[in-house]
Amino acid sequence: SAEQVDWFARQPFAAASQLAVYLANPAL
């Protein structure tokens, strides 16, 4: 969502978004 993307952008590291990506598509 737009709120999630905005929250990821405000984080100092990309780890948060990468964990969310894993939950969304663990195999890939």
PDB file of all heavy atoms in Angstrom:
ATOM      1  N   SER A   1       0.842  -1.193   0.000  1.00  0.00           N
ATOM      2  CA  SER A   1       0.000   0.000   0.000  1.00  0.00           C
ATOM      3  C   SER A   1       0.876   1.242   0.000  1.00  0.00           C
ATOM      4  O   SER A   1       2.088   1.185   0.255  1.00  0.00           O
ATOM      5  CB  SER A   1      -0.901   0.004   1.233  1.00  0.00           C
ATOM      6  OG  SER A   1      -0.118   0.098   2.416  1.00  0.00           O
ATOM      7  N   ALA A   2       0.272   2.370  -0.283  1.00  0.00           N
ATOM      8  CA  ALA A   2       1.012   3.636  -0.296  1.00  0.00           C
ATOM      9  C   ALA A   2       1.581   3.937   1.089  1.00  0.00           C
ATOM     10  O   ALA A   2       2.690   4.484   1.213  1.00  0.00           O
ATOM     11  CB  ALA A   2       0.101   4.770  -0.753  1.00  0.00           C
ATOM     12  N   GLU A   3       0.840   3.572   2.138  1.00  0.00           N
ATOM     13  CA  GLU A   3       1.319   3.799   3.501  1.00  0.00           C
ATOM     14  C   GLU A   3       2.550   2.945   3.795  1.00  0.00           C
ATOM     15  O   GLU A   3       3.512   3.414   4.425  1.00  0.00           O
ATOM     16  CB  GLU A   3       0.215   3.486   4.514  1.00  0.00           C
ATOM     17  CG  GLU A   3      -0.956   4.463   4.501  1.00  0.00           C
ATOM     18  CD  GLU A   3      -1.886   4.213   3.310  1.00  0.00           C
ATOM     19  OE1 GLU A   3      -1.746   3.164   2.631  1.00  0.00           O
ATOM     20  OE2 GLU A   3      -2.752   5.086   3.057  1.00  0.00           O
ATOM     21  N   GLN A   4       2.543   1.689   3.330  1.00  0.00           N
ATOM     22  CA  GLN A   4       3.697   0.829   3.544  1.00  0.00           C
ATOM     23  C   GLN A   4       4.926   1.338   2.805  1.00  0.00           C
ATOM     24  O   GLN A   4       6.029   1.375   3.357  1.00  0.00           O
ATOM     25  CB  GLN A   4       3.371  -0.601   3.082  1.00  0.00           C
ATOM     26  CG  GLN A   4       2.441  -1.369   3.992  1.00  0.00           C
ATOM     27  CD  GLN A   4       2.115  -2.732   3.430  1.00  0.00           C
ATOM     28  OE1 GLN A   4       1.598  -2.849   2.312  1.00  0.00           O
ATOM     29  NE2 GLN A   4       2.404  -3.767   4.196  1.00  0.00           N
ATOM     30  N   VAL A   5       4.728   1.738   1.564  1.00  0.00           N
ATOM     31  CA  VAL A   5       5.846   2.260   0.772  1.00  0.00           C
ATOM     32  C   VAL A   5       6.433   3.500   1.436  1.00  0.00           C
ATOM     33  O   VAL A   5       7.667   3.664   1.508  1.00  0.00           O
ATOM     34  CB  VAL A   5       5.388   2.577  -0.663  1.00  0.00           C
ATOM     35  CG1 VAL A   5       6.504   3.283  -1.432  1.00  0.00           C
ATOM     36  CG2 VAL A   5       4.965   1.312  -1.378  1.00  0.00           C
ATOM     37  N   ASP A   6       5.573   4.368   1.929  1.00  0.00           N
ATOM     38  CA  ASP A   6       6.040   5.580   2.602  1.00  0.00           C
ATOM     39  C   ASP A   6       6.803   5.229   3.879  1.00  0.00           C
ATOM     40  O   ASP A   6       7.828   5.850   4.182  1.00  0.00           O
ATOM     41  CB  ASP A   6       4.846   6.478   2.924  1.00  0.00           C
ATOM     42  CG  ASP A   6       5.269   7.761   3.634  1.00  0.00           C
ATOM     43  OD1 ASP A   6       5.960   8.586   3.014  1.00  0.00           O
ATOM     44  OD2 ASP A   6       4.923   7.916   4.822  1.00  0.00           O
ATOM     45  N   TRP A   7       6.303   4.222   4.609  1.00  0.00           N
ATOM     46  CA  TRP A   7       6.982   3.818   5.852  1.00  0.00           C
ATOM     47  C   TRP A   7       8.339   3.202   5.543  1.00  0.00           C
ATOM     48  O   TRP A   7       9.325   3.485   6.235  1.00  0.00           O
ATOM     49  CB  TRP A   7       6.109   2.829   6.615  1.00  0.00           C
ATOM     50  CG  TRP A   7       6.682   2.473   7.962  1.00  0.00           C
ATOM     51  CD1 TRP A   7       6.600   3.222   9.106  1.00  0.00           C
ATOM     52  CD2 TRP A   7       7.422   1.303   8.295  1.00  0.00           C
ATOM     53  NE1 TRP A   7       7.259   2.574  10.134  1.00  0.00           N
ATOM     54  CE2 TRP A   7       7.757   1.397   9.664  1.00  0.00           C
ATOM     55  CE3 TRP A   7       7.814   0.174   7.580  1.00  0.00           C
ATOM     56  CZ2 TRP A   7       8.482   0.406  10.327  1.00  0.00           C
ATOM     57  CZ3 TRP A   7       8.544  -0.811   8.229  1.00  0.00           C
ATOM     58  CH2 TRP A   7       8.866  -0.697   9.589  1.00  0.00           C
ATOM     59  N   PHE A   8       8.421   2.370   4.508  1.00  0.00           N
ATOM     60  CA  PHE A   8       9.704   1.776   4.111  1.00  0.00           C
ATOM     61  C   PHE A   8      10.711   2.867   3.741  1.00  0.00           C
ATOM     62  O   PHE A   8      11.890   2.777   4.085  1.00  0.00           O
ATOM     63  CB  PHE A   8       9.518   0.840   2.911  1.00  0.00           C
ATOM     64  CG  PHE A   8       8.729  -0.394   3.200  1.00  0.00           C
ATOM     65  CD1 PHE A   8       7.961  -1.005   2.196  1.00  0.00           C
ATOM     66  CD2 PHE A   8       8.728  -0.963   4.465  1.00  0.00           C
ATOM     67  CE1 PHE A   8       7.235  -2.145   2.457  1.00  0.00           C
ATOM     68  CE2 PHE A   8       7.988  -2.119   4.736  1.00  0.00           C
ATOM     69  CZ  PHE A   8       7.235  -2.701   3.729  1.00  0.00           C
ATOM     70  N   ALA A   9      10.245   3.879   3.047  1.00  0.00           N
ATOM     71  CA  ALA A   9      11.138   4.951   2.593  1.00  0.00           C
ATOM     72  C   ALA A   9      11.705   5.739   3.762  1.00  0.00           C
ATOM     73  O   ALA A   9      12.805   6.320   3.650  1.00  0.00           O
ATOM     74  CB  ALA A   9      10.392   5.884   1.648  1.00  0.00           C
ATOM     75  N   ARG A  10      10.982   5.776   4.879  1.00  0.00           N
ATOM     76  CA  ARG A  10      11.433   6.548   6.037  1.00  0.00           C
ATOM     77  C   ARG A  10      12.362   5.760   6.953  1.00  0.00           C
ATOM     78  O   ARG A  10      12.910   6.317   7.906  1.00  0.00           O
ATOM     79  CB  ARG A  10      10.226   7.052   6.826  1.00  0.00           C
ATOM     80  CG  ARG A  10       9.485   8.180   6.125  1.00  0.00           C
ATOM     81  CD  ARG A  10       8.377   8.772   6.975  1.00  0.00           C
ATOM     82  NE  ARG A  10       7.156   7.960   6.976  1.00  0.00           N
ATOM     83  CZ  ARG A  10       6.751   7.209   7.987  1.00  0.00           C
ATOM     84  NH1 ARG A  10       7.461   7.142   9.101  1.00  0.00           N
ATOM     85  NH2 ARG A  10       5.629   6.507   7.900  1.00  0.00           N
ATOM     86  N   GLN A  11      12.553   4.485   6.663  1.00  0.00           N
ATOM     87  CA  GLN A  11      13.429   3.658   7.491  1.00  0.00           C
ATOM     88  C   GLN A  11      14.889   3.875   7.106  1.00  0.00           C
ATOM     89  O   GLN A  11      15.207   4.110   5.942  1.00  0.00           O
ATOM     90  CB  GLN A  11      13.067   2.187   7.349  1.00  0.00           C
ATOM     91  CG  GLN A  11      11.640   1.854   7.726  1.00  0.00           C
ATOM     92  CD  GLN A  11      11.272   2.394   9.100  1.00  0.00           C
ATOM     93  OE1 GLN A  11      11.922   2.093  10.099  1.00  0.00           O
ATOM     94  NE2 GLN A  11      10.217   3.201   9.146  1.00  0.00           N
ATOM     95  N   PRO A  12      15.793   3.809   8.100  1.00  0.00           N
ATOM     96  CA  PRO A  12      17.215   4.043   7.792  1.00  0.00           C
ATOM     97  C   PRO A  12      17.854   2.915   6.991  1.00  0.00           C
ATOM     98  O   PRO A  12      18.873   3.125   6.342  1.00  0.00           O
ATOM     99  CB  PRO A  12      17.854   4.155   9.184  1.00  0.00           C
ATOM    100  CG  PRO A  12      16.933   3.378  10.085  1.00  0.00           C
ATOM    101  CD  PRO A  12      15.560   3.591   9.533  1.00  0.00           C
ATOM    102  N   PHE A  13      17.248   1.725   7.028  1.00  0.00           N
ATOM    103  CA  PHE A  13      17.796   0.587   6.302  1.00  0.00           C
ATOM    104  C   PHE A  13      16.680  -0.099   5.513  1.00  0.00           C
ATOM    105  O   PHE A  13      15.500   0.038   5.832  1.00  0.00           O
ATOM    106  CB  PHE A  13      18.430  -0.430   7.271  1.00  0.00           C
ATOM    107  CG  PHE A  13      19.422   0.189   8.216  1.00  0.00           C
ATOM    108  CD1 PHE A  13      19.106   0.348   9.561  1.00  0.00           C
ATOM    109  CD2 PHE A  13      20.654   0.634   7.764  1.00  0.00           C
ATOM    110  CE1 PHE A  13      20.009   0.920  10.440  1.00  0.00           C
ATOM    111  CE2 PHE A  13      21.565   1.209   8.629  1.00  0.00           C
ATOM    112  CZ  PHE A  13      21.236   1.351   9.975  1.00  0.00           C
ATOM    113  N   ALA A  14      17.089  -0.877   4.514  1.00  0.00           N
ATOM    114  CA  ALA A  14      16.123  -1.557   3.648  1.00  0.00           C
ATOM    115  C   ALA A  14      15.641  -2.877   4.224  1.00  0.00           C
ATOM    116  O   ALA A  14      14.839  -3.568   3.590  1.00  0.00           O
ATOM    117  CB  ALA A  14      16.734  -1.793   2.274  1.00  0.00           C
ATOM    118  N   ALA A  15      16.109  -3.239   5.417  1.00  0.00           N
ATOM    119  CA  ALA A  15      15.771  -4.532   6.004  1.00  0.00           C
ATOM    120  C   ALA A  15      14.268  -4.714   6.161  1.00  0.00           C
ATOM    121  O   ALA A  15      13.732  -5.809   5.911  1.00  0.00           O
ATOM    122  CB  ALA A  15      16.470  -4.692   7.349  1.00  0.00           C
ATOM    123  N   ALA A  16      13.581  -3.676   6.584  1.00  0.00           N
ATOM    124  CA  ALA A  16      12.140  -3.788   6.812  1.00  0.00           C
ATOM    125  C   ALA A  16      11.412  -4.149   5.525  1.00  0.00           C
ATOM    126  O   ALA A  16      10.537  -5.033   5.506  1.00  0.00           O
ATOM    127  CB  ALA A  16      11.599  -2.479   7.384  1.00  0.00           C
ATOM    128  N   SER A  17      11.750  -3.498   4.434  1.00  0.00           N
ATOM    129  CA  SER A  17      11.076  -3.798   3.169  1.00  0.00           C
ATOM    130  C   SER A  17      11.444  -5.190   2.660  1.00  0.00           C
ATOM    131  O   SER A  17      10.605  -5.879   2.073  1.00  0.00           O
ATOM    132  CB  SER A  17      11.439  -2.746   2.123  1.00  0.00           C
ATOM    133  OG  SER A  17      12.818  -2.783   1.815  1.00  0.00           O
ATOM    134  N   GLN A  18      12.678  -5.621   2.883  1.00  0.00           N
ATOM    135  CA  GLN A  18      13.088  -6.939   2.425  1.00  0.00           C
ATOM    136  C   GLN A  18      12.371  -8.057   3.176  1.00  0.00           C
ATOM    137  O   GLN A  18      12.027  -9.092   2.591  1.00  0.00           O
ATOM    138  CB  GLN A  18      14.601  -7.097   2.582  1.00  0.00           C
ATOM    139  CG  GLN A  18      15.412  -6.263   1.609  1.00  0.00           C
ATOM    140  CD  GLN A  18      15.100  -6.599   0.162  1.00  0.00           C
ATOM    141  OE1 GLN A  18      15.435  -7.673  -0.322  1.00  0.00           O
ATOM    142  NE2 GLN A  18      14.444  -5.677  -0.536  1.00  0.00           N
ATOM    143  N   LEU A  19      12.115  -7.861   4.451  1.00  0.00           N
ATOM    144  CA  LEU A  19      11.350  -8.846   5.213  1.00  0.00           C
ATOM    145  C   LEU A  19       9.907  -8.901   4.726  1.00  0.00           C
ATOM    146  O   LEU A  19       9.310  -9.981   4.643  1.00  0.00           O
ATOM    147  CB  LEU A  19      11.404  -8.507   6.702  1.00  0.00           C
ATOM    148  CG  LEU A  19      12.782  -8.625   7.358  1.00  0.00           C
ATOM    149  CD1 LEU A  19      12.723  -8.180   8.813  1.00  0.00           C
ATOM    150  CD2 LEU A  19      13.300 -10.059   7.278  1.00  0.00           C
ATOM    151  N   ALA A  20       9.362  -7.758   4.376  1.00  0.00           N
ATOM    152  CA  ALA A  20       8.000  -7.727   3.839  1.00  0.00           C
ATOM    153  C   ALA A  20       7.939  -8.382   2.473  1.00  0.00           C
ATOM    154  O   ALA A  20       6.968  -9.067   2.133  1.00  0.00           O
ATOM    155  CB  ALA A  20       7.507  -6.282   3.767  1.00  0.00           C
ATOM    156  N   VAL A  21       8.980  -8.177   1.660  1.00  0.00           N
ATOM    157  CA  VAL A  21       9.055  -8.830   0.346  1.00  0.00           C
ATOM    158  C   VAL A  21       9.119 -10.340   0.516  1.00  0.00           C
ATOM    159  O   VAL A  21       8.467 -11.093  -0.229  1.00  0.00           O
ATOM    160  CB  VAL A  21      10.283  -8.322  -0.438  1.00  0.00           C
ATOM    161  CG1 VAL A  21      10.513  -9.167  -1.678  1.00  0.00           C
ATOM    162  CG2 VAL A  21      10.086  -6.867  -0.827  1.00  0.00           C
ATOM    163  N   TYR A  22       9.873 -10.795   1.501  1.00  0.00           N
ATOM    164  CA  TYR A  22       9.961 -12.245   1.752  1.00  0.00           C
ATOM    165  C   TYR A  22       8.601 -12.816   2.126  1.00  0.00           C
ATOM    166  O   TYR A  22       8.218 -13.902   1.653  1.00  0.00           O
ATOM    167  CB  TYR A  22      10.965 -12.516   2.870  1.00  0.00           C
ATOM    168  CG  TYR A  22      10.969 -13.957   3.318  1.00  0.00           C
ATOM    169  CD1 TYR A  22      11.606 -14.947   2.563  1.00  0.00           C
ATOM    170  CD2 TYR A  22      10.312 -14.344   4.493  1.00  0.00           C
ATOM    171  CE1 TYR A  22      11.600 -16.272   2.963  1.00  0.00           C
ATOM    172  CE2 TYR A  22      10.300 -15.663   4.899  1.00  0.00           C
ATOM    173  CZ  TYR A  22      10.943 -16.627   4.129  1.00  0.00           C
ATOM    174  OH  TYR A  22      10.926 -17.943   4.526  1.00  0.00           O
ATOM    175  N   LEU A  23       7.868 -12.107   2.976  1.00  0.00           N
ATOM    176  CA  LEU A  23       6.538 -12.590   3.366  1.00  0.00           C
ATOM    177  C   LEU A  23       5.606 -12.642   2.165  1.00  0.00           C
ATOM    178  O   LEU A  23       4.798 -13.564   2.033  1.00  0.00           O
ATOM    179  CB  LEU A  23       5.955 -11.676   4.452  1.00  0.00           C
ATOM    180  CG  LEU A  23       4.584 -12.083   5.003  1.00  0.00           C
ATOM    181  CD1 LEU A  23       4.674 -13.436   5.711  1.00  0.00           C
ATOM    182  CD2 LEU A  23       4.060 -11.016   5.956  1.00  0.00           C
ATOM    183  N   ALA A  24       5.729 -11.686   1.264  1.00  0.00           N
ATOM    184  CA  ALA A  24       4.854 -11.623   0.091  1.00  0.00           C
ATOM    185  C   ALA A  24       5.223 -12.672  -0.956  1.00  0.00           C
ATOM    186  O   ALA A  24       4.343 -13.209  -1.633  1.00  0.00           O
ATOM    187  CB  ALA A  24       4.911 -10.223  -0.532  1.00  0.00           C
ATOM    188  N   ASN A  25       6.496 -12.963  -1.107  1.00  0.00           N
ATOM    189  CA  ASN A  25       6.941 -13.921  -2.130  1.00  0.00           C
ATOM    190  C   ASN A  25       8.160 -14.684  -1.605  1.00  0.00           C
ATOM    191  O   ASN A  25       9.301 -14.436  -2.029  1.00  0.00           O
ATOM    192  CB  ASN A  25       7.285 -13.186  -3.426  1.00  0.00           C
ATOM    193  CG  ASN A  25       7.277 -14.116  -4.626  1.00  0.00           C
ATOM    194  OD1 ASN A  25       7.499 -15.322  -4.490  1.00  0.00           O
ATOM    195  ND2 ASN A  25       7.028 -13.568  -5.806  1.00  0.00           N
ATOM    196  N   PRO A  26       7.950 -15.630  -0.681  1.00  0.00           N
ATOM    197  CA  PRO A  26       9.086 -16.313  -0.046  1.00  0.00           C
ATOM    198  C   PRO A  26       9.914 -17.162  -1.004  1.00  0.00           C
ATOM    199  O   PRO A  26      11.142 -17.214  -0.879  1.00  0.00           O
ATOM    200  CB  PRO A  26       8.419 -17.173   1.035  1.00  0.00           C
ATOM    201  CG  PRO A  26       7.002 -17.349   0.577  1.00  0.00           C
ATOM    202  CD  PRO A  26       6.661 -16.076  -0.134  1.00  0.00           C
ATOM    203  N   ALA A  27       9.281 -17.825  -1.957  1.00  0.00           N
ATOM    204  CA  ALA A  27      10.025 -18.721  -2.856  1.00  0.00           C
ATOM    205  C   ALA A  27      10.992 -17.938  -3.744  1.00  0.00           C
ATOM    206  O   ALA A  27      12.167 -18.290  -3.862  1.00  0.00           O
ATOM    207  CB  ALA A  27       9.050 -19.525  -3.714  1.00  0.00           C
ATOM    208  N   LEU A  28      10.492 -16.870  -4.367  1.00  0.00           N
ATOM    209  CA  LEU A  28      11.339 -16.085  -5.266  1.00  0.00           C
ATOM    210  C   LEU A  28      12.429 -15.349  -4.495  1.00  0.00           C
ATOM    211  O   LEU A  28      13.571 -15.251  -4.952  1.00  0.00           O
ATOM    212  CB  LEU A  28      10.481 -15.091  -6.044  1.00  0.00           C
ATOM    213  CG  LEU A  28      11.153 -14.368  -7.219  1.00  0.00           C
ATOM    214  CD1 LEU A  28      11.693 -15.371  -8.229  1.00  0.00           C
ATOM    215  CD2 LEU A  28      10.155 -13.420  -7.895  1.00  0.00           C
TER     216      LEU A  28
END
